[in-house]
Amino acid sequence: MPRYYFNVHNSIGLVEDEEGRDFADLGAARAAALKGAREVIAGDAAEGIVDLRGRLDVIDSAGTVVLTLRFTEAVEVLRPDEDEPGPANPAPTAS
């Protein structure tokens, strides 16, 4: 089974995966990278910030980057419409 390493590039800098994990194929490694990217984003969101500028590189045992997953690919960002009530645009209150 091939071994893949997952290096995270984000606001902290580079966090290198020195152990790696075995996966049946690149598709399974991509699914793990997607989950990992979402976990990083969720951790940041719990601290009050969502920084989608990062990426996760999947590297094979030969040291070749075989996949780059940008954080923007890991989530779908839904934004409220300008007319929709929200913190920046509260609904009028009845008097």
N, C-alpha and C. Protein backbone atom coordinates (compact mmCIF):
# COMPACT_ATOMS: atom_id res chain seq x y z
N MET A 1 0.84 -1.17 0.00
CA MET A 1 0.00 0.00 0.00
C MET A 1 0.89 1.24 0.00
N PRO A 2 0.59 2.20 -0.87
CA PRO A 2 1.42 3.41 -0.93
C PRO A 2 1.29 4.28 0.32
N ARG A 3 2.38 4.93 0.67
CA ARG A 3 2.40 5.85 1.81
C ARG A 3 2.39 7.27 1.27
N TYR A 4 1.55 8.10 1.90
CA TYR A 4 1.43 9.50 1.52
C TYR A 4 1.65 10.38 2.74
N TYR A 5 2.20 11.55 2.49
CA TYR A 5 2.48 12.53 3.54
C TYR A 5 1.66 13.78 3.24
N PHE A 6 1.20 14.44 4.29
CA PHE A 6 0.31 15.58 4.15
C PHE A 6 0.95 16.81 4.79
N ASN A 7 1.48 17.70 3.97
CA ASN A 7 2.10 18.93 4.46
C ASN A 7 1.10 20.07 4.38
N VAL A 8 0.91 20.76 5.50
CA VAL A 8 -0.05 21.86 5.57
C VAL A 8 0.71 23.18 5.46
N HIS A 9 0.24 24.03 4.57
CA HIS A 9 0.75 25.39 4.41
C HIS A 9 -0.39 26.32 4.78
N ASN A 10 -0.24 27.07 5.89
CA ASN A 10 -1.28 28.01 6.28
C ASN A 10 -0.65 29.21 6.97
N SER A 11 -1.45 29.98 7.69
CA SER A 11 -0.95 31.22 8.31
C SER A 11 0.15 30.95 9.33
N ILE A 12 0.22 29.74 9.86
CA ILE A 12 1.26 29.37 10.81
C ILE A 12 2.59 29.16 10.07
N GLY A 13 2.50 28.75 8.82
CA GLY A 13 3.68 28.43 8.03
C GLY A 13 3.53 27.03 7.46
N LEU A 14 4.62 26.31 7.39
CA LEU A 14 4.62 24.94 6.89
C LEU A 14 4.65 23.98 8.06
N VAL A 15 3.68 23.05 8.06
CA VAL A 15 3.67 21.97 9.05
C VAL A 15 3.87 20.69 8.26
N GLU A 16 5.05 20.09 8.42
CA GLU A 16 5.40 18.88 7.66
C GLU A 16 4.95 17.61 8.37
N ASP A 17 4.42 16.71 7.59
CA ASP A 17 4.02 15.39 8.07
C ASP A 17 5.23 14.48 7.94
N GLU A 18 5.79 14.07 9.06
CA GLU A 18 6.99 13.23 9.02
C GLU A 18 6.68 11.74 9.08
N GLU A 19 5.45 11.38 9.43
CA GLU A 19 5.09 9.97 9.56
C GLU A 19 4.38 9.43 8.33
N GLY A 20 3.44 10.18 7.80
CA GLY A 20 2.66 9.72 6.66
C GLY A 20 1.65 8.65 7.06
N ARG A 21 0.83 8.29 6.09
CA ARG A 21 -0.17 7.23 6.29
C ARG A 21 -0.31 6.43 5.01
N ASP A 22 -0.66 5.17 5.16
CA ASP A 22 -0.85 4.29 4.02
C ASP A 22 -2.29 4.37 3.53
N PHE A 23 -2.44 4.45 2.20
CA PHE A 23 -3.76 4.46 1.57
C PHE A 23 -3.73 3.54 0.36
N ALA A 24 -4.88 3.03 0.00
CA ALA A 24 -4.98 2.12 -1.13
C ALA A 24 -4.57 2.80 -2.44
N ASP A 25 -4.93 4.08 -2.57
CA ASP A 25 -4.61 4.80 -3.81
C ASP A 25 -4.67 6.30 -3.56
N LEU A 26 -4.39 7.07 -4.59
CA LEU A 26 -4.39 8.52 -4.47
C LEU A 26 -5.78 9.06 -4.17
N GLY A 27 -6.81 8.41 -4.67
CA GLY A 27 -8.18 8.83 -4.38
C GLY A 27 -8.49 8.78 -2.89
N ALA A 28 -8.04 7.73 -2.23
CA ALA A 28 -8.24 7.61 -0.78
C ALA A 28 -7.41 8.65 -0.03
N ALA A 29 -6.22 8.92 -0.53
CA ALA A 29 -5.37 9.95 0.09
C ALA A 29 -6.01 11.32 -0.09
N ARG A 30 -6.63 11.57 -1.25
CA ARG A 30 -7.30 12.85 -1.49
C ARG A 30 -8.47 13.03 -0.51
N ALA A 31 -9.23 11.97 -0.29
CA ALA A 31 -10.35 12.04 0.66
C ALA A 31 -9.84 12.39 2.06
N ALA A 32 -8.71 11.83 2.46
CA ALA A 32 -8.11 12.15 3.76
C ALA A 32 -7.61 13.59 3.79
N ALA A 33 -7.06 14.06 2.68
CA ALA A 33 -6.59 15.45 2.60
C ALA A 33 -7.76 16.41 2.72
N LEU A 34 -8.87 16.09 2.08
CA LEU A 34 -10.06 16.92 2.16
C LEU A 34 -10.57 17.01 3.60
N LYS A 35 -10.62 15.88 4.26
CA LYS A 35 -11.05 15.85 5.66
C LYS A 35 -10.08 16.65 6.54
N GLY A 36 -8.79 16.49 6.31
CA GLY A 36 -7.79 17.21 7.09
C GLY A 36 -7.87 18.71 6.88
N ALA A 37 -8.06 19.15 5.65
CA ALA A 37 -8.19 20.58 5.36
C ALA A 37 -9.41 21.15 6.07
N ARG A 38 -10.50 20.40 6.04
CA ARG A 38 -11.72 20.87 6.72
C ARG A 38 -11.52 20.94 8.23
N GLU A 39 -10.75 20.04 8.79
CA GLU A 39 -10.46 20.08 10.23
C GLU A 39 -9.62 21.31 10.59
N VAL A 40 -8.65 21.64 9.74
CA VAL A 40 -7.83 22.83 9.98
C VAL A 40 -8.72 24.08 9.92
N ILE A 41 -9.57 24.16 8.91
CA ILE A 41 -10.46 25.30 8.74
C ILE A 41 -11.42 25.39 9.94
N ALA A 42 -11.96 24.26 10.39
CA ALA A 42 -12.88 24.25 11.53
C ALA A 42 -12.17 24.71 12.80
N GLY A 43 -10.93 24.30 12.99
CA GLY A 43 -10.16 24.74 14.14
C GLY A 43 -9.95 26.24 14.13
N ASP A 44 -9.65 26.79 12.96
CA ASP A 44 -9.49 28.24 12.83
C ASP A 44 -10.82 28.94 13.10
N ALA A 45 -11.91 28.40 12.57
CA ALA A 45 -13.24 29.01 12.76
C ALA A 45 -13.60 29.04 14.24
N ALA A 46 -13.21 28.02 14.99
CA ALA A 46 -13.49 28.00 16.43
C ALA A 46 -12.74 29.12 17.14
N GLU A 47 -11.67 29.61 16.54
CA GLU A 47 -10.91 30.72 17.10
C GLU A 47 -11.40 32.08 16.57
N GLY A 48 -12.40 32.03 15.69
CA GLY A 48 -13.01 33.26 15.21
C GLY A 48 -12.51 33.77 13.87
N ILE A 49 -11.77 32.94 13.13
CA ILE A 49 -11.26 33.38 11.83
C ILE A 49 -11.36 32.22 10.84
N VAL A 50 -11.65 32.55 9.61
CA VAL A 50 -11.63 31.55 8.54
C VAL A 50 -10.64 32.05 7.50
N ASP A 51 -9.50 31.40 7.44
CA ASP A 51 -8.43 31.76 6.52
C ASP A 51 -8.34 30.68 5.45
N LEU A 52 -8.81 31.02 4.26
CA LEU A 52 -8.84 30.04 3.17
C LEU A 52 -7.64 30.18 2.23
N ARG A 53 -6.59 30.86 2.68
CA ARG A 53 -5.41 31.05 1.83
C ARG A 53 -4.47 29.84 1.84
N GLY A 54 -4.71 28.88 2.72
CA GLY A 54 -3.80 27.75 2.88
C GLY A 54 -4.02 26.65 1.85
N ARG A 55 -3.16 25.64 1.98
CA ARG A 55 -3.27 24.47 1.11
C ARG A 55 -2.69 23.26 1.82
N LEU A 56 -3.00 22.11 1.31
CA LEU A 56 -2.47 20.86 1.83
C LEU A 56 -1.83 20.12 0.65
N ASP A 57 -0.54 19.85 0.74
CA ASP A 57 0.15 19.09 -0.31
C ASP A 57 0.23 17.63 0.08
N VAL A 58 -0.14 16.76 -0.85
CA VAL A 58 -0.02 15.32 -0.66
C VAL A 58 1.24 14.88 -1.39
N ILE A 59 2.12 14.21 -0.65
CA ILE A 59 3.44 13.85 -1.18
C ILE A 59 3.58 12.33 -1.12
N ASP A 60 4.08 11.73 -2.18
CA ASP A 60 4.27 10.28 -2.18
C ASP A 60 5.60 9.91 -1.51
N SER A 61 5.87 8.62 -1.41
CA SER A 61 7.06 8.15 -0.70
C SER A 61 8.37 8.53 -1.40
N ALA A 62 8.28 8.93 -2.68
CA ALA A 62 9.46 9.38 -3.41
C ALA A 62 9.73 10.87 -3.19
N GLY A 63 8.83 11.55 -2.46
CA GLY A 63 9.00 12.96 -2.18
C GLY A 63 8.39 13.88 -3.22
N THR A 64 7.57 13.33 -4.10
CA THR A 64 6.92 14.09 -5.15
C THR A 64 5.55 14.56 -4.70
N VAL A 65 5.26 15.85 -4.92
CA VAL A 65 3.92 16.36 -4.63
C VAL A 65 2.99 15.80 -5.70
N VAL A 66 2.05 14.96 -5.30
CA VAL A 66 1.14 14.32 -6.25
C VAL A 66 -0.24 14.97 -6.27
N LEU A 67 -0.49 15.83 -5.28
CA LEU A 67 -1.78 16.50 -5.22
C LEU A 67 -1.65 17.73 -4.33
N THR A 68 -2.23 18.83 -4.77
CA THR A 68 -2.34 20.03 -3.94
C THR A 68 -3.81 20.34 -3.79
N LEU A 69 -4.26 20.42 -2.54
CA LEU A 69 -5.65 20.74 -2.25
C LEU A 69 -5.68 22.10 -1.55
N ARG A 70 -6.18 23.09 -2.25
CA ARG A 70 -6.31 24.43 -1.66
C ARG A 70 -7.50 24.44 -0.72
N PHE A 71 -7.38 25.20 0.37
CA PHE A 71 -8.47 25.26 1.33
C PHE A 71 -9.76 25.73 0.68
N THR A 72 -9.66 26.58 -0.33
CA THR A 72 -10.86 27.06 -1.02
C THR A 72 -11.60 25.92 -1.72
N GLU A 73 -10.90 24.83 -2.02
CA GLU A 73 -11.53 23.67 -2.65
C GLU A 73 -12.20 22.75 -1.64
N ALA A 74 -11.90 22.95 -0.36
CA ALA A 74 -12.39 22.05 0.69
C ALA A 74 -13.75 22.43 1.23
N VAL A 75 -14.16 23.67 0.98
CA VAL A 75 -15.43 24.14 1.51
C VAL A 75 -16.16 24.97 0.47
N GLU A 76 -17.45 25.09 0.65
CA GLU A 76 -18.25 25.99 -0.16
C GLU A 76 -18.65 27.15 0.75
N VAL A 77 -18.34 28.36 0.33
CA VAL A 77 -18.65 29.54 1.14
C VAL A 77 -19.96 30.13 0.62
N LEU A 78 -20.95 30.19 1.50
CA LEU A 78 -22.24 30.77 1.17
C LEU A 78 -22.30 32.14 1.83
N ARG A 79 -22.56 33.15 1.06
CA ARG A 79 -22.61 34.52 1.58
C ARG A 79 -24.05 35.01 1.52
N PRO A 80 -24.44 35.76 2.54
CA PRO A 80 -25.80 36.31 2.50
C PRO A 80 -25.91 37.37 1.42
N ASP A 81 -27.12 37.50 0.89
CA ASP A 81 -27.37 38.57 -0.07
C ASP A 81 -27.36 39.90 0.67
N GLU A 82 -27.13 40.95 -0.04
CA GLU A 82 -27.09 42.28 0.57
C GLU A 82 -28.41 42.60 1.26
N ASP A 83 -29.55 42.15 0.71
CA ASP A 83 -30.86 42.46 1.26
C ASP A 83 -31.26 41.53 2.39
N GLU A 84 -30.52 40.49 2.61
CA GLU A 84 -30.87 39.49 3.61
C GLU A 84 -30.46 39.97 5.00
N PRO A 85 -31.33 39.81 6.02
CA PRO A 85 -30.95 40.22 7.38
C PRO A 85 -29.74 39.43 7.86
N GLY A 86 -28.90 40.07 8.62
CA GLY A 86 -27.72 39.45 9.18
C GLY A 86 -27.07 40.44 10.14
N PRO A 87 -26.00 40.07 10.78
CA PRO A 87 -25.35 40.96 11.74
C PRO A 87 -25.01 42.34 11.17
N ALA A 88 -24.57 42.38 9.91
CA ALA A 88 -24.18 43.66 9.32
C ALA A 88 -25.39 44.42 8.77
N ASN A 89 -26.54 43.74 8.62
CA ASN A 89 -27.72 44.33 8.02
C ASN A 89 -28.96 43.83 8.77
N PRO A 90 -29.14 44.24 10.03
CA PRO A 90 -30.24 43.69 10.83
C PRO A 90 -31.60 44.05 10.30
N ALA A 91 -32.57 43.17 10.57
CA ALA A 91 -33.94 43.42 10.16
C ALA A 91 -34.54 44.54 11.01
N PRO A 92 -35.39 45.34 10.42
CA PRO A 92 -36.02 46.41 11.20
C PRO A 92 -36.89 45.81 12.31
N THR A 93 -36.93 46.49 13.44
CA THR A 93 -37.75 46.02 14.54
C THR A 93 -39.07 46.77 14.56
N ALA A 94 -40.12 46.09 14.99
CA ALA A 94 -41.45 46.72 15.09
C ALA A 94 -41.49 47.61 16.32
N SER A 95 -42.10 48.79 16.20
CA SER A 95 -42.19 49.68 17.35
C SER A 95 -43.58 49.75 17.88
